[in-house]
Amino acid sequence: MKALLGVLEAWEVTKDGFEEPEDYAGYTAAQNKALKETRSMDKTALYVLFRAVDESGFEKIISSTTSK
């Protein structure tokens, strides 16, 4: 799984975790772009994890909102 997420460039966000900021109204365009990319990587990793586990494993992670 680490190798697959690494190829998708989503391993770091999975390892380190991702927290959605409470307020990002004052973010610059570069910060908004970085946030969007990080959010996308996290959702990609979560999707891959959902697809990789069997039914009993899926039941354990179904309520997850982040890949960590």
PDB file of N, CA and C in Angstrom:
ATOM      1  N   MET A   1       0.830  -1.186   0.000  1.00  0.00           N
ATOM      2  CA  MET A   1       0.000   0.000   0.000  1.00  0.00           C
ATOM      3  C   MET A   1       0.873   1.247   0.000  1.00  0.00           C
ATOM      4  N   LYS A   2       1.975   1.207   0.767  1.00  0.00           N
ATOM      5  CA  LYS A   2       2.876   2.350   0.802  1.00  0.00           C
ATOM      6  C   LYS A   2       3.422   2.652  -0.595  1.00  0.00           C
ATOM      7  N   ALA A   3       3.765   1.621  -1.334  1.00  0.00           N
ATOM      8  CA  ALA A   3       4.296   1.812  -2.684  1.00  0.00           C
ATOM      9  C   ALA A   3       3.230   2.404  -3.607  1.00  0.00           C
ATOM     10  N   LEU A   4       2.029   1.885  -3.529  1.00  0.00           N
ATOM     11  CA  LEU A   4       0.941   2.390  -4.379  1.00  0.00           C
ATOM     12  C   LEU A   4       0.637   3.855  -4.067  1.00  0.00           C
ATOM     13  N   LEU A   5       0.524   4.179  -2.793  1.00  0.00           N
ATOM     14  CA  LEU A   5       0.255   5.561  -2.411  1.00  0.00           C
ATOM     15  C   LEU A   5       1.438   6.460  -2.751  1.00  0.00           C
ATOM     16  N   GLY A   6       2.647   5.909  -2.703  1.00  0.00           N
ATOM     17  CA  GLY A   6       3.821   6.676  -3.093  1.00  0.00           C
ATOM     18  C   GLY A   6       3.801   7.034  -4.558  1.00  0.00           C
ATOM     19  N   VAL A   7       3.411   6.091  -5.405  1.00  0.00           N
ATOM     20  CA  VAL A   7       3.303   6.355  -6.836  1.00  0.00           C
ATOM     21  C   VAL A   7       2.252   7.433  -7.106  1.00  0.00           C
ATOM     22  N   LEU A   8       1.191   7.414  -6.357  1.00  0.00           N
ATOM     23  CA  LEU A   8       0.122   8.407  -6.520  1.00  0.00           C
ATOM     24  C   LEU A   8       0.442   9.729  -5.822  1.00  0.00           C
ATOM     25  N   GLU A   9       1.639   9.805  -5.229  1.00  0.00           N
ATOM     26  CA  GLU A   9       2.086  10.984  -4.476  1.00  0.00           C
ATOM     27  C   GLU A   9       1.144  11.319  -3.329  1.00  0.00           C
ATOM     28  N   ALA A  10       0.606  10.285  -2.705  1.00  0.00           N
ATOM     29  CA  ALA A  10      -0.340  10.483  -1.608  1.00  0.00           C
ATOM     30  C   ALA A  10       0.157   9.870  -0.304  1.00  0.00           C
ATOM     31  N   TRP A  11       1.367   9.307  -0.303  1.00  0.00           N
ATOM     32  CA  TRP A  11       1.856   8.650   0.906  1.00  0.00           C
ATOM     33  C   TRP A  11       2.124   9.666   2.021  1.00  0.00           C
ATOM     34  N   GLU A  12       2.758  10.779   1.700  1.00  0.00           N
ATOM     35  CA  GLU A  12       3.108  11.757   2.732  1.00  0.00           C
ATOM     36  C   GLU A  12       1.875  12.280   3.466  1.00  0.00           C
ATOM     37  N   VAL A  13       0.832  12.590   2.728  1.00  0.00           N
ATOM     38  CA  VAL A  13      -0.374  13.104   3.376  1.00  0.00           C
ATOM     39  C   VAL A  13      -1.041  12.010   4.212  1.00  0.00           C
ATOM     40  N   THR A  14      -0.896  10.760   3.786  1.00  0.00           N
ATOM     41  CA  THR A  14      -1.449   9.652   4.564  1.00  0.00           C
ATOM     42  C   THR A  14      -0.651   9.459   5.849  1.00  0.00           C
ATOM     43  N   LYS A  15       0.657   9.512   5.726  1.00  0.00           N
ATOM     44  CA  LYS A  15       1.534   9.318   6.884  1.00  0.00           C
ATOM     45  C   LYS A  15       1.398  10.470   7.881  1.00  0.00           C
ATOM     46  N   ASP A  16       1.413  11.692   7.379  1.00  0.00           N
ATOM     47  CA  ASP A  16       1.404  12.869   8.248  1.00  0.00           C
ATOM     48  C   ASP A  16       0.006  13.289   8.676  1.00  0.00           C
ATOM     49  N   GLY A  17      -0.990  12.930   7.888  1.00  0.00           N
ATOM     50  CA  GLY A  17      -2.364  13.316   8.191  1.00  0.00           C
ATOM     51  C   GLY A  17      -2.734  14.640   7.539  1.00  0.00           C
ATOM     52  N   PHE A  18      -4.017  14.892   7.457  1.00  0.00           N
ATOM     53  CA  PHE A  18      -4.532  16.120   6.866  1.00  0.00           C
ATOM     54  C   PHE A  18      -5.705  16.587   7.694  1.00  0.00           C
ATOM     55  N   GLU A  19      -5.639  17.842   8.117  1.00  0.00           N
ATOM     56  CA  GLU A  19      -6.754  18.447   8.832  1.00  0.00           C
ATOM     57  C   GLU A  19      -7.268  19.620   8.009  1.00  0.00           C
ATOM     58  N   GLU A  20      -8.541  19.603   7.742  1.00  0.00           N
ATOM     59  CA  GLU A  20      -9.164  20.702   7.009  1.00  0.00           C
ATOM     60  C   GLU A  20      -9.104  21.943   7.888  1.00  0.00           C
ATOM     61  N   PRO A  21      -8.560  23.052   7.375  1.00  0.00           N
ATOM     62  CA  PRO A  21      -8.505  24.275   8.191  1.00  0.00           C
ATOM     63  C   PRO A  21      -9.903  24.812   8.490  1.00  0.00           C
ATOM     64  N   GLU A  22     -10.037  25.399   9.658  1.00  0.00           N
ATOM     65  CA  GLU A  22     -11.322  25.978  10.057  1.00  0.00           C
ATOM     66  C   GLU A  22     -11.684  27.169   9.167  1.00  0.00           C
ATOM     67  N   ASP A  23     -10.702  28.058   8.989  1.00  0.00           N
ATOM     68  CA  ASP A  23     -10.964  29.271   8.223  1.00  0.00           C
ATOM     69  C   ASP A  23      -9.784  29.520   7.293  1.00  0.00           C
ATOM     70  N   TYR A  24     -10.046  29.528   6.024  1.00  0.00           N
ATOM     71  CA  TYR A  24      -8.982  29.789   5.059  1.00  0.00           C
ATOM     72  C   TYR A  24      -9.332  30.983   4.175  1.00  0.00           C
ATOM     73  N   ALA A  25     -10.107  31.900   4.724  1.00  0.00           N
ATOM     74  CA  ALA A  25     -10.541  33.077   3.972  1.00  0.00           C
ATOM     75  C   ALA A  25      -9.370  33.991   3.614  1.00  0.00           C
ATOM     76  N   GLY A  26      -8.356  34.069   4.468  1.00  0.00           N
ATOM     77  CA  GLY A  26      -7.237  34.965   4.225  1.00  0.00           C
ATOM     78  C   GLY A  26      -6.074  34.327   3.487  1.00  0.00           C
ATOM     79  N   TYR A  27      -6.274  33.132   2.953  1.00  0.00           N
ATOM     80  CA  TYR A  27      -5.188  32.433   2.257  1.00  0.00           C
ATOM     81  C   TYR A  27      -4.859  33.117   0.934  1.00  0.00           C
ATOM     82  N   THR A  28      -3.591  33.061   0.577  1.00  0.00           N
ATOM     83  CA  THR A  28      -3.174  33.569  -0.724  1.00  0.00           C
ATOM     84  C   THR A  28      -3.544  32.547  -1.792  1.00  0.00           C
ATOM     85  N   ALA A  29      -3.383  32.927  -3.045  1.00  0.00           N
ATOM     86  CA  ALA A  29      -3.685  32.011  -4.148  1.00  0.00           C
ATOM     87  C   ALA A  29      -2.796  30.772  -4.073  1.00  0.00           C
ATOM     88  N   ALA A  30      -1.539  30.957  -3.710  1.00  0.00           N
ATOM     89  CA  ALA A  30      -0.616  29.818  -3.596  1.00  0.00           C
ATOM     90  C   ALA A  30      -1.025  28.890  -2.455  1.00  0.00           C
ATOM     91  N   GLN A  31      -1.450  29.461  -1.349  1.00  0.00           N
ATOM     92  CA  GLN A  31      -1.899  28.649  -0.214  1.00  0.00           C
ATOM     93  C   GLN A  31      -3.176  27.893  -0.561  1.00  0.00           C
ATOM     94  N   ASN A  32      -4.087  28.539  -1.271  1.00  0.00           N
ATOM     95  CA  ASN A  32      -5.320  27.869  -1.704  1.00  0.00           C
ATOM     96  C   ASN A  32      -5.009  26.718  -2.652  1.00  0.00           C
ATOM     97  N   LYS A  33      -4.058  26.928  -3.551  1.00  0.00           N
ATOM     98  CA  LYS A  33      -3.665  25.874  -4.477  1.00  0.00           C
ATOM     99  C   LYS A  33      -3.049  24.697  -3.727  1.00  0.00           C
ATOM    100  N   ALA A  34      -2.170  24.979  -2.764  1.00  0.00           N
ATOM    101  CA  ALA A  34      -1.546  23.923  -1.971  1.00  0.00           C
ATOM    102  C   ALA A  34      -2.599  23.164  -1.159  1.00  0.00           C
ATOM    103  N   LEU A  35      -3.550  23.882  -0.593  1.00  0.00           N
ATOM    104  CA  LEU A  35      -4.623  23.256   0.173  1.00  0.00           C
ATOM    105  C   LEU A  35      -5.450  22.335  -0.722  1.00  0.00           C
ATOM    106  N   LYS A  36      -5.784  22.804  -1.911  1.00  0.00           N
ATOM    107  CA  LYS A  36      -6.567  22.007  -2.847  1.00  0.00           C
ATOM    108  C   LYS A  36      -5.814  20.742  -3.264  1.00  0.00           C
ATOM    109  N   GLU A  37      -4.517  20.866  -3.509  1.00  0.00           N
ATOM    110  CA  GLU A  37      -3.707  19.707  -3.893  1.00  0.00           C
ATOM    111  C   GLU A  37      -3.596  18.705  -2.746  1.00  0.00           C
ATOM    112  N   THR A  38      -3.387  19.209  -1.538  1.00  0.00           N
ATOM    113  CA  THR A  38      -3.288  18.319  -0.375  1.00  0.00           C
ATOM    114  C   THR A  38      -4.608  17.615  -0.120  1.00  0.00           C
ATOM    115  N   ARG A  39      -5.703  18.356  -0.224  1.00  0.00           N
ATOM    116  CA  ARG A  39      -7.037  17.766  -0.050  1.00  0.00           C
ATOM    117  C   ARG A  39      -7.281  16.681  -1.093  1.00  0.00           C
ATOM    118  N   SER A  40      -6.880  16.938  -2.323  1.00  0.00           N
ATOM    119  CA  SER A  40      -7.042  15.979  -3.407  1.00  0.00           C
ATOM    120  C   SER A  40      -6.210  14.723  -3.165  1.00  0.00           C
ATOM    121  N   MET A  41      -4.973  14.894  -2.717  1.00  0.00           N
ATOM    122  CA  MET A  41      -4.124  13.736  -2.420  1.00  0.00           C
ATOM    123  C   MET A  41      -4.718  12.895  -1.298  1.00  0.00           C
ATOM    124  N   ASP A  42      -5.253  13.568  -0.271  1.00  0.00           N
ATOM    125  CA  ASP A  42      -5.854  12.841   0.846  1.00  0.00           C
ATOM    126  C   ASP A  42      -7.072  12.046   0.393  1.00  0.00           C
ATOM    127  N   LYS A  43      -7.925  12.650  -0.422  1.00  0.00           N
ATOM    128  CA  LYS A  43      -9.115  11.939  -0.903  1.00  0.00           C
ATOM    129  C   LYS A  43      -8.740  10.804  -1.854  1.00  0.00           C
ATOM    130  N   THR A  44      -7.692  10.991  -2.641  1.00  0.00           N
ATOM    131  CA  THR A  44      -7.205   9.913  -3.510  1.00  0.00           C
ATOM    132  C   THR A  44      -6.735   8.732  -2.671  1.00  0.00           C
ATOM    133  N   ALA A  45      -5.961   9.024  -1.635  1.00  0.00           N
ATOM    134  CA  ALA A  45      -5.468   7.964  -0.756  1.00  0.00           C
ATOM    135  C   ALA A  45      -6.615   7.252  -0.055  1.00  0.00           C
ATOM    136  N   LEU A  46      -7.592   8.000   0.412  1.00  0.00           N
ATOM    137  CA  LEU A  46      -8.743   7.402   1.083  1.00  0.00           C
ATOM    138  C   LEU A  46      -9.511   6.491   0.125  1.00  0.00           C
ATOM    139  N   TYR A  47      -9.676   6.929  -1.103  1.00  0.00           N
ATOM    140  CA  TYR A  47     -10.351   6.115  -2.114  1.00  0.00           C
ATOM    141  C   TYR A  47      -9.586   4.813  -2.366  1.00  0.00           C
ATOM    142  N   VAL A  48      -8.276   4.904  -2.500  1.00  0.00           N
ATOM    143  CA  VAL A  48      -7.456   3.712  -2.739  1.00  0.00           C
ATOM    144  C   VAL A  48      -7.577   2.749  -1.562  1.00  0.00           C
ATOM    145  N   LEU A  49      -7.564   3.281  -0.363  1.00  0.00           N
ATOM    146  CA  LEU A  49      -7.720   2.418   0.818  1.00  0.00           C
ATOM    147  C   LEU A  49      -9.085   1.752   0.843  1.00  0.00           C
ATOM    148  N   PHE A  50     -10.128   2.496   0.514  1.00  0.00           N
ATOM    149  CA  PHE A  50     -11.467   1.917   0.457  1.00  0.00           C
ATOM    150  C   PHE A  50     -11.515   0.769  -0.544  1.00  0.00           C
ATOM    151  N   ARG A  51     -10.888   0.958  -1.690  1.00  0.00           N
ATOM    152  CA  ARG A  51     -10.914  -0.059  -2.744  1.00  0.00           C
ATOM    153  C   ARG A  51     -10.047  -1.271  -2.420  1.00  0.00           C
ATOM    154  N   ALA A  52      -9.037  -1.098  -1.570  1.00  0.00           N
ATOM    155  CA  ALA A  52      -8.063  -2.160  -1.333  1.00  0.00           C
ATOM    156  C   ALA A  52      -8.485  -3.176  -0.269  1.00  0.00           C
ATOM    157  N   VAL A  53      -9.371  -2.786   0.616  1.00  0.00           N
ATOM    158  CA  VAL A  53      -9.718  -3.683   1.721  1.00  0.00           C
ATOM    159  C   VAL A  53     -10.918  -4.557   1.375  1.00  0.00           C
ATOM    160  N   ASP A  54     -11.009  -5.683   2.079  1.00  0.00           N
ATOM    161  CA  ASP A  54     -12.159  -6.557   1.873  1.00  0.00           C
ATOM    162  C   ASP A  54     -13.358  -6.012   2.663  1.00  0.00           C
ATOM    163  N   GLU A  55     -14.454  -6.718   2.606  1.00  0.00           N
ATOM    164  CA  GLU A  55     -15.699  -6.236   3.204  1.00  0.00           C
ATOM    165  C   GLU A  55     -15.578  -5.989   4.706  1.00  0.00           C
ATOM    166  N   SER A  56     -14.943  -6.903   5.427  1.00  0.00           N
ATOM    167  CA  SER A  56     -14.824  -6.718   6.876  1.00  0.00           C
ATOM    168  C   SER A  56     -13.908  -5.533   7.206  1.00  0.00           C
ATOM    169  N   GLY A  57     -12.855  -5.345   6.427  1.00  0.00           N
ATOM    170  CA  GLY A  57     -11.981  -4.193   6.627  1.00  0.00           C
ATOM    171  C   GLY A  57     -12.675  -2.902   6.267  1.00  0.00           C
ATOM    172  N   PHE A  58     -13.485  -2.950   5.218  1.00  0.00           N
ATOM    173  CA  PHE A  58     -14.215  -1.763   4.777  1.00  0.00           C
ATOM    174  C   PHE A  58     -15.176  -1.286   5.856  1.00  0.00           C
ATOM    175  N   GLU A  59     -15.820  -2.219   6.536  1.00  0.00           N
ATOM    176  CA  GLU A  59     -16.752  -1.854   7.602  1.00  0.00           C
ATOM    177  C   GLU A  59     -16.042  -1.095   8.721  1.00  0.00           C
ATOM    178  N   LYS A  60     -14.752  -1.380   8.921  1.00  0.00           N
ATOM    179  CA  LYS A  60     -13.985  -0.710   9.973  1.00  0.00           C
ATOM    180  C   LYS A  60     -13.576   0.713   9.583  1.00  0.00           C
ATOM    181  N   ILE A  61     -13.426   0.969   8.287  1.00  0.00           N
ATOM    182  CA  ILE A  61     -12.921   2.277   7.862  1.00  0.00           C
ATOM    183  C   ILE A  61     -13.957   3.136   7.145  1.00  0.00           C
ATOM    184  N   ILE A  62     -15.162   2.663   7.019  1.00  0.00           N
ATOM    185  CA  ILE A  62     -16.190   3.366   6.242  1.00  0.00           C
ATOM    186  C   ILE A  62     -16.453   4.783   6.767  1.00  0.00           C
ATOM    187  N   SER A  63     -16.312   5.005   8.061  1.00  0.00           N
ATOM    188  CA  SER A  63     -16.612   6.323   8.612  1.00  0.00           C
ATOM    189  C   SER A  63     -15.412   7.264   8.582  1.00  0.00           C
ATOM    190  N   SER A  64     -14.291   6.821   8.046  1.00  0.00           N
ATOM    191  CA  SER A  64     -13.092   7.658   7.971  1.00  0.00           C
ATOM    192  C   SER A  64     -13.318   8.830   7.024  1.00  0.00           C
ATOM    193  N   THR A  65     -12.789   9.978   7.419  1.00  0.00           N
ATOM    194  CA  THR A  65     -12.903  11.161   6.560  1.00  0.00           C
ATOM    195  C   THR A  65     -11.554  11.573   5.994  1.00  0.00           C
ATOM    196  N   THR A  66     -10.464  11.012   6.541  1.00  0.00           N
ATOM    197  CA  THR A  66      -9.136  11.258   6.014  1.00  0.00           C
ATOM    198  C   THR A  66      -8.407   9.944   5.856  1.00  0.00           C
ATOM    199  N   SER A  67      -7.329   9.955   5.090  1.00  0.00           N
ATOM    200  CA  SER A  67      -6.602   8.720   4.833  1.00  0.00           C
ATOM    201  C   SER A  67      -5.782   8.254   6.030  1.00  0.00           C
ATOM    202  N   LYS A  68      -5.415   9.143   6.925  1.00  0.00           N
ATOM    203  CA  LYS A  68      -4.605   8.746   8.075  1.00  0.00           C
ATOM    204  C   LYS A  68      -5.408   7.864   8.992  1.00  0.00           C
TER     205      LYS A  68
END
